[in-house]
């Protein structure tokens, strides 16, 4: 499998680990910084359709903890709008492999991508 798209932040440790693991596994990819390189108005609704708001929204982040209760309630009512306005709330990395979308990084993430590459 080649042509994976990795979305995250340049200084995110999970994103760095994902990129390193993909490199070591020989899986071609392109890294896209969600604050600089990505049209979130287009991407966020697609990601929400693929994985849902619970998986995509990082409620353990500093951004979430610093939000008012009113803004958190808005995140439930309009997750796309809140994620677009606050990209650091997006759980990272988001990896697109064809129609497959994964969120976060673990050994299972890599195993799933390697299994997809074998197909």
N, C-alpha and C. Protein backbone atom coordinates (compact mmCIF):
# COMPACT_ATOMS: atom_id res chain seq x y z
N UNK A 1 0.86 -1.17 0.00
CA UNK A 1 0.00 0.00 0.00
C UNK A 1 0.90 1.23 0.00
N UNK A 2 0.63 2.15 -0.87
CA UNK A 2 1.35 3.42 -0.86
C UNK A 2 0.32 4.53 -0.85
N UNK A 3 0.78 5.71 -0.57
CA UNK A 3 -0.12 6.85 -0.64
C UNK A 3 -0.98 7.07 0.58
N UNK A 4 -0.52 6.62 1.74
CA UNK A 4 -1.25 6.93 2.96
C UNK A 4 -1.18 8.43 3.22
N UNK A 5 -2.25 8.98 3.73
CA UNK A 5 -2.26 10.39 4.12
C UNK A 5 -2.34 10.44 5.65
N UNK A 6 -1.35 11.08 6.25
CA UNK A 6 -1.29 11.21 7.70
C UNK A 6 -1.58 12.67 8.04
N UNK A 7 -2.56 12.88 8.92
CA UNK A 7 -2.96 14.23 9.32
C UNK A 7 -2.68 14.40 10.81
N UNK A 8 -2.00 15.48 11.16
CA UNK A 8 -1.71 15.72 12.56
C UNK A 8 -1.01 17.05 12.73
N UNK A 9 -0.23 17.13 13.81
CA UNK A 9 0.55 18.32 14.11
C UNK A 9 2.03 17.94 14.10
N UNK A 10 2.86 18.82 13.59
CA UNK A 10 4.29 18.54 13.46
C UNK A 10 4.94 18.21 14.81
N UNK A 11 4.47 18.84 15.88
CA UNK A 11 5.10 18.65 17.19
C UNK A 11 4.38 17.61 18.05
N UNK A 12 3.44 16.88 17.50
CA UNK A 12 2.67 15.87 18.24
C UNK A 12 3.48 14.57 18.35
N UNK A 13 3.69 14.10 19.57
CA UNK A 13 4.47 12.87 19.77
C UNK A 13 3.84 11.66 19.11
N UNK A 14 2.52 11.53 19.19
CA UNK A 14 1.85 10.39 18.55
C UNK A 14 2.03 10.43 17.04
N UNK A 15 1.98 11.62 16.47
CA UNK A 15 2.17 11.77 15.02
C UNK A 15 3.59 11.39 14.63
N UNK A 16 4.55 11.82 15.44
CA UNK A 16 5.95 11.48 15.17
C UNK A 16 6.16 9.97 15.23
N UNK A 17 5.56 9.31 16.23
CA UNK A 17 5.68 7.86 16.36
C UNK A 17 5.05 7.16 15.15
N UNK A 18 3.90 7.65 14.72
CA UNK A 18 3.22 7.05 13.58
C UNK A 18 4.06 7.18 12.32
N UNK A 19 4.59 8.36 12.06
CA UNK A 19 5.41 8.59 10.87
C UNK A 19 6.65 7.70 10.91
N UNK A 20 7.29 7.60 12.07
CA UNK A 20 8.47 6.75 12.19
C UNK A 20 8.13 5.29 11.93
N UNK A 21 7.03 4.81 12.51
CA UNK A 21 6.63 3.42 12.32
C UNK A 21 6.27 3.14 10.86
N UNK A 22 5.59 4.08 10.22
CA UNK A 22 5.23 3.90 8.80
C UNK A 22 6.50 3.86 7.95
N UNK A 23 7.46 4.74 8.25
CA UNK A 23 8.73 4.73 7.53
C UNK A 23 9.43 3.38 7.70
N UNK A 24 9.52 2.91 8.95
CA UNK A 24 10.20 1.65 9.23
C UNK A 24 9.51 0.46 8.58
N UNK A 25 8.18 0.55 8.42
CA UNK A 25 7.43 -0.54 7.80
C UNK A 25 7.42 -0.43 6.27
N UNK A 26 8.00 0.63 5.75
CA UNK A 26 8.04 0.81 4.31
C UNK A 26 6.72 1.22 3.69
N UNK A 27 5.85 1.81 4.50
CA UNK A 27 4.55 2.27 4.01
C UNK A 27 4.68 3.74 3.60
N UNK A 28 4.57 4.00 2.31
CA UNK A 28 4.66 5.37 1.81
C UNK A 28 3.53 6.22 2.36
N UNK A 29 3.83 7.46 2.66
CA UNK A 29 2.81 8.34 3.24
C UNK A 29 3.20 9.80 3.01
N UNK A 30 2.19 10.64 3.17
CA UNK A 30 2.40 12.08 3.13
C UNK A 30 1.85 12.65 4.42
N UNK A 31 2.68 13.46 5.12
CA UNK A 31 2.23 14.09 6.35
C UNK A 31 1.61 15.44 6.04
N UNK A 32 0.46 15.72 6.65
CA UNK A 32 -0.26 16.98 6.45
C UNK A 32 -0.55 17.60 7.80
N UNK A 33 -0.06 18.81 8.03
CA UNK A 33 -0.30 19.51 9.28
C UNK A 33 -1.73 20.08 9.25
N UNK A 34 -2.53 19.69 10.23
CA UNK A 34 -3.95 20.08 10.22
C UNK A 34 -4.17 21.57 10.45
N UNK A 35 -3.15 22.27 10.95
CA UNK A 35 -3.30 23.71 11.13
C UNK A 35 -2.84 24.50 9.90
N UNK A 36 -2.04 23.90 9.04
CA UNK A 36 -1.45 24.64 7.93
C UNK A 36 -1.83 24.12 6.55
N UNK A 37 -1.93 22.80 6.40
CA UNK A 37 -1.99 22.19 5.06
C UNK A 37 -3.33 21.60 4.68
N UNK A 38 -4.33 21.67 5.54
CA UNK A 38 -5.54 20.89 5.33
C UNK A 38 -6.78 21.79 5.32
N UNK A 39 -7.67 21.53 4.37
CA UNK A 39 -8.96 22.21 4.34
C UNK A 39 -9.91 21.43 5.25
N UNK A 40 -9.97 21.82 6.49
CA UNK A 40 -10.76 21.08 7.48
C UNK A 40 -12.25 21.13 7.19
N UNK A 41 -12.70 22.16 6.49
CA UNK A 41 -14.12 22.24 6.13
C UNK A 41 -14.51 21.05 5.26
N UNK A 42 -13.57 20.57 4.48
CA UNK A 42 -13.80 19.40 3.62
C UNK A 42 -13.54 18.11 4.39
N UNK A 43 -12.42 18.04 5.10
CA UNK A 43 -11.97 16.79 5.73
C UNK A 43 -12.77 16.39 6.97
N UNK A 44 -13.04 17.32 7.86
CA UNK A 44 -13.68 16.96 9.13
C UNK A 44 -15.02 16.24 8.93
N UNK A 45 -15.93 16.70 8.07
CA UNK A 45 -17.18 15.95 7.89
C UNK A 45 -16.94 14.52 7.39
N UNK A 46 -15.96 14.34 6.51
CA UNK A 46 -15.65 12.99 6.02
C UNK A 46 -15.15 12.11 7.16
N UNK A 47 -14.26 12.67 7.99
CA UNK A 47 -13.74 11.89 9.12
C UNK A 47 -14.83 11.57 10.12
N UNK A 48 -15.73 12.52 10.37
CA UNK A 48 -16.84 12.26 11.29
C UNK A 48 -17.74 11.15 10.76
N UNK A 49 -18.00 11.16 9.46
CA UNK A 49 -18.80 10.09 8.85
C UNK A 49 -18.11 8.74 9.00
N UNK A 50 -16.79 8.73 8.90
CA UNK A 50 -16.03 7.48 8.93
C UNK A 50 -15.87 6.91 10.33
N UNK A 51 -15.60 7.77 11.32
CA UNK A 51 -15.26 7.25 12.65
C UNK A 51 -16.16 7.75 13.77
N UNK A 52 -16.92 8.82 13.54
CA UNK A 52 -17.80 9.37 14.56
C UNK A 52 -17.11 10.40 15.44
N UNK A 53 -17.92 11.23 16.07
CA UNK A 53 -17.40 12.34 16.88
C UNK A 53 -16.65 11.84 18.12
N UNK A 54 -17.12 10.77 18.73
CA UNK A 54 -16.49 10.27 19.95
C UNK A 54 -15.04 9.86 19.68
N UNK A 55 -14.79 9.22 18.55
CA UNK A 55 -13.43 8.78 18.20
C UNK A 55 -12.56 9.94 17.75
N UNK A 56 -13.15 10.93 17.08
CA UNK A 56 -12.37 12.00 16.47
C UNK A 56 -12.05 13.14 17.44
N UNK A 57 -12.92 13.36 18.43
CA UNK A 57 -12.72 14.51 19.33
C UNK A 57 -11.89 14.09 20.53
N UNK A 58 -10.79 14.80 20.75
CA UNK A 58 -9.88 14.51 21.85
C UNK A 58 -10.34 15.26 23.10
N UNK A 59 -11.11 14.58 23.91
CA UNK A 59 -11.65 15.20 25.12
C UNK A 59 -10.65 15.13 26.29
N UNK A 60 -9.46 14.61 26.02
CA UNK A 60 -8.40 14.61 27.04
C UNK A 60 -7.38 15.71 26.78
N UNK A 61 -7.60 16.49 25.74
CA UNK A 61 -6.64 17.53 25.37
C UNK A 61 -6.74 18.76 26.26
N UNK A 62 -5.65 19.53 26.24
CA UNK A 62 -5.63 20.81 26.97
C UNK A 62 -6.70 21.74 26.41
N UNK A 63 -6.86 21.73 25.10
CA UNK A 63 -7.88 22.60 24.49
C UNK A 63 -9.26 22.28 25.06
N UNK A 64 -9.61 21.00 25.16
CA UNK A 64 -10.91 20.59 25.70
C UNK A 64 -11.05 21.02 27.16
N UNK A 65 -10.01 20.77 27.94
CA UNK A 65 -10.06 21.11 29.37
C UNK A 65 -10.22 22.62 29.59
N UNK A 66 -9.70 23.42 28.67
CA UNK A 66 -9.80 24.88 28.80
C UNK A 66 -11.08 25.46 28.20
N UNK A 67 -11.90 24.63 27.59
CA UNK A 67 -13.15 25.12 26.99
C UNK A 67 -14.21 25.32 28.07
N UNK A 68 -15.08 26.28 27.83
CA UNK A 68 -16.20 26.49 28.75
C UNK A 68 -17.20 25.35 28.60
N UNK A 69 -18.04 25.18 29.59
CA UNK A 69 -19.08 24.15 29.53
C UNK A 69 -20.00 24.41 28.34
N UNK A 70 -20.25 25.66 28.06
CA UNK A 70 -21.10 26.04 26.92
C UNK A 70 -20.46 25.57 25.60
N UNK A 71 -19.15 25.77 25.46
CA UNK A 71 -18.46 25.32 24.24
C UNK A 71 -18.43 23.80 24.15
N UNK A 72 -18.31 23.12 25.27
CA UNK A 72 -18.34 21.65 25.26
C UNK A 72 -19.71 21.14 24.81
N UNK A 73 -20.76 21.82 25.25
CA UNK A 73 -22.10 21.43 24.81
C UNK A 73 -22.26 21.68 23.32
N UNK A 74 -21.68 22.76 22.83
CA UNK A 74 -21.71 23.04 21.39
C UNK A 74 -20.98 21.93 20.63
N UNK A 75 -19.92 21.39 21.21
CA UNK A 75 -19.17 20.31 20.57
C UNK A 75 -20.04 19.08 20.37
N UNK A 76 -20.98 18.86 21.27
CA UNK A 76 -21.90 17.74 21.13
C UNK A 76 -22.92 18.03 20.03
N UNK A 77 -23.41 19.26 19.99
CA UNK A 77 -24.43 19.63 18.99
C UNK A 77 -23.85 19.82 17.60
N UNK A 78 -22.63 20.36 17.50
CA UNK A 78 -22.01 20.66 16.21
C UNK A 78 -20.53 20.27 16.24
N UNK A 79 -20.25 18.95 16.27
CA UNK A 79 -18.85 18.55 16.38
C UNK A 79 -17.99 19.05 15.21
N UNK A 80 -18.54 19.06 14.02
CA UNK A 80 -17.75 19.51 12.86
C UNK A 80 -17.33 20.96 13.03
N UNK A 81 -18.25 21.81 13.42
CA UNK A 81 -17.95 23.22 13.58
C UNK A 81 -16.89 23.47 14.63
N UNK A 82 -16.98 22.74 15.74
CA UNK A 82 -16.01 22.92 16.83
C UNK A 82 -14.64 22.39 16.41
N UNK A 83 -14.59 21.24 15.74
CA UNK A 83 -13.30 20.68 15.31
C UNK A 83 -12.63 21.55 14.24
N UNK A 84 -13.43 22.14 13.39
CA UNK A 84 -12.88 23.05 12.37
C UNK A 84 -12.32 24.31 13.03
N UNK A 85 -13.05 24.82 14.02
CA UNK A 85 -12.62 26.04 14.71
C UNK A 85 -11.43 25.78 15.64
N UNK A 86 -11.32 24.56 16.15
CA UNK A 86 -10.26 24.20 17.11
C UNK A 86 -9.57 22.91 16.64
N UNK A 87 -8.69 22.99 15.65
CA UNK A 87 -8.06 21.77 15.10
C UNK A 87 -7.31 20.94 16.14
N UNK A 88 -6.85 21.57 17.21
CA UNK A 88 -6.11 20.80 18.22
C UNK A 88 -7.02 19.86 19.00
N UNK A 89 -8.34 19.96 18.81
CA UNK A 89 -9.28 19.01 19.41
C UNK A 89 -9.36 17.70 18.62
N UNK A 90 -8.80 17.69 17.42
CA UNK A 90 -8.83 16.48 16.60
C UNK A 90 -7.83 15.48 17.18
N UNK A 91 -8.32 14.29 17.49
CA UNK A 91 -7.44 13.24 18.00
C UNK A 91 -6.48 12.86 16.88
N UNK A 92 -5.21 12.70 17.22
CA UNK A 92 -4.18 12.53 16.20
C UNK A 92 -3.39 11.26 16.42
N UNK A 93 -2.82 10.78 15.31
CA UNK A 93 -3.00 11.23 13.93
C UNK A 93 -4.27 10.63 13.33
N UNK A 94 -4.76 11.29 12.30
CA UNK A 94 -5.81 10.73 11.47
C UNK A 94 -5.08 10.19 10.24
N UNK A 95 -5.31 8.93 9.91
CA UNK A 95 -4.64 8.32 8.76
C UNK A 95 -5.70 7.83 7.80
N UNK A 96 -5.57 8.26 6.56
CA UNK A 96 -6.45 7.79 5.48
C UNK A 96 -5.66 6.81 4.63
N UNK A 97 -6.23 5.64 4.47
CA UNK A 97 -5.65 4.61 3.61
C UNK A 97 -6.76 4.15 2.67
N UNK A 98 -6.88 4.83 1.54
CA UNK A 98 -8.02 4.56 0.67
C UNK A 98 -9.29 5.00 1.37
N UNK A 99 -10.21 4.06 1.55
CA UNK A 99 -11.47 4.39 2.23
C UNK A 99 -11.39 4.17 3.74
N UNK A 100 -10.31 3.55 4.21
CA UNK A 100 -10.12 3.31 5.64
C UNK A 100 -9.61 4.59 6.32
N UNK A 101 -10.22 4.94 7.44
CA UNK A 101 -9.78 6.08 8.24
C UNK A 101 -9.52 5.56 9.65
N UNK A 102 -8.29 5.81 10.16
CA UNK A 102 -7.98 5.45 11.53
C UNK A 102 -7.64 6.72 12.31
N UNK A 103 -7.88 6.68 13.61
CA UNK A 103 -7.62 7.84 14.47
C UNK A 103 -6.82 7.35 15.66
N UNK A 104 -5.77 8.12 16.00
CA UNK A 104 -4.90 7.74 17.10
C UNK A 104 -3.81 6.81 16.60
N UNK A 105 -2.88 6.47 17.49
CA UNK A 105 -1.78 5.61 17.08
C UNK A 105 -1.49 4.57 18.15
N UNK A 106 -1.32 3.32 17.69
CA UNK A 106 -0.97 2.20 18.56
C UNK A 106 -0.38 1.11 17.67
N UNK A 107 0.07 0.05 18.29
CA UNK A 107 0.55 -1.10 17.51
C UNK A 107 -0.58 -1.66 16.66
N UNK A 108 -1.80 -1.61 17.18
CA UNK A 108 -2.95 -2.10 16.42
C UNK A 108 -3.17 -1.27 15.16
N UNK A 109 -2.91 0.04 15.25
CA UNK A 109 -3.04 0.90 14.07
C UNK A 109 -2.10 0.44 12.98
N UNK A 110 -0.86 0.21 13.35
CA UNK A 110 0.14 -0.24 12.37
C UNK A 110 -0.24 -1.61 11.82
N UNK A 111 -0.65 -2.52 12.69
CA UNK A 111 -1.04 -3.85 12.23
C UNK A 111 -2.19 -3.79 11.24
N UNK A 112 -3.16 -2.93 11.51
CA UNK A 112 -4.29 -2.77 10.58
C UNK A 112 -3.84 -2.23 9.23
N UNK A 113 -2.93 -1.28 9.24
CA UNK A 113 -2.44 -0.72 7.99
C UNK A 113 -1.59 -1.74 7.23
N UNK A 114 -0.79 -2.54 7.97
CA UNK A 114 0.01 -3.58 7.32
C UNK A 114 -0.89 -4.66 6.73
N UNK A 115 -1.98 -5.00 7.44
CA UNK A 115 -2.92 -5.99 6.90
C UNK A 115 -3.56 -5.46 5.63
N UNK A 116 -3.89 -4.16 5.61
CA UNK A 116 -4.46 -3.57 4.41
C UNK A 116 -3.49 -3.56 3.27
N UNK A 117 -2.20 -3.38 3.58
CA UNK A 117 -1.17 -3.37 2.54
C UNK A 117 -1.00 -4.75 1.93
N UNK A 118 -1.27 -5.79 2.72
CA UNK A 118 -1.11 -7.17 2.23
C UNK A 118 -2.25 -7.59 1.31
N UNK A 119 -3.36 -6.88 1.36
CA UNK A 119 -4.53 -7.25 0.54
C UNK A 119 -4.34 -6.86 -0.90
